[in-house]
Every structure is written in structure tokens, then in C-alpha cells.
């Protein structure tokens, strides 16, 4: 009980949704296509970049796609100075993380395109880099992760975030008083009021 656990000091709508979650370990974000997942991930990257550098491993869209550029502009991520977008192998990522001044937060989008084969590799990343946060983004089929790897990551994640109808719901171990973050207000109202 005397151990000091590193947490994000979230404010406003981020606190309302997620409280003050642990800033190391594993998070898992998942949702069906077209639910607002990519926009949420980009907004989260912008938020987390206030606390340290963020490495965005963009495997699904690559580092050079028109839709990713549009999303970055839409959420104002161009203003964040300490975000790097790459599309590299897991081995290349590990080499980068072993260097002296590597990112505090690593966002891997998506687990299905990352080259990670099993949960053992995920656990090994957490063990080797205990002061870092790994945020995995996964696809869903219905309300469950689409793959066995996604299900396994969901099981071990500190923070579990389900995306549906342009809202990000905290299903993890840290929740704020509202328990969800609205990604796109107008579309969320349409979806949830139908």
C-alpha cells in the first residue's frame, strides 16, 4: 500500500470518463469499424502527449495515408510536438525503446496488423519496459475483440476502453463519474437517441 503508482492527472472530460488511470502497463481500446475508434485514438494521443512523448505505431493505416492525415488535422494533433508516427516491425520498435530517450507511451494500431503473434510477446513488452504504457488498439466483432490475441490483451489490460456510437466507454480499472468520453457529440446524440 505504500508503493507510489504513477497515474495520469486527467482533467475535464478525460477525468469524467477515466478518472486517474495508471500511466504504465497495458491499455486496450477496441470497437467495430466506423464507431469513432481512430478519432478517439488520435484524441487520446494528443491528450497523453501532454504527459510525455508518444510513439504511434500506425500499422493499420501506415504512416502515410490520406485518412490518417485528415484525422491528425481534425483533432489538432499537429500542435503536439512530442508525437512520432511510424510503421515499423516489432523488432524495430523494441530497438527504438531500448535507446536512451525513447517514448513514454506506445500506441499500437492495430494488434491485428502489428506482427505480434501471441500474448506472450505482449507480456514480455510490459516486463522489459515497466515504466512505459502500451496502448493496443483492436478490432471488434460485435461487442468482443475480433481475435484471440485481442481477447487475451483485454484480459490483462489495466484499462479497457470499448468504442461504440462515437463514445469511448471505460470498462477498465479506472473510471470517472461519467464513465464515457464523447468522441463526436452530434453523431453520438443521433446514435444513442435512436
Foldseek 3Di string as FASTA:
>chain_A
DPDDFAWAPDDDLVCQAFNTFGAWDEEEEEEAPPLCRVLVVLLVQQVCLVVWAEEEQAQPQAQDDPVNVVSCVVNVVVPRDRYHYGHDAPVVVVVQVPDDRHTQEYEYPEPVRRPDDAVVVVVVVCVVCVRHYYYHYAYPDPQHGPDPRSNSSCVRGQWYWYGGQQKTATPHDGGHNNRIHRSDVVSSCVVVVD
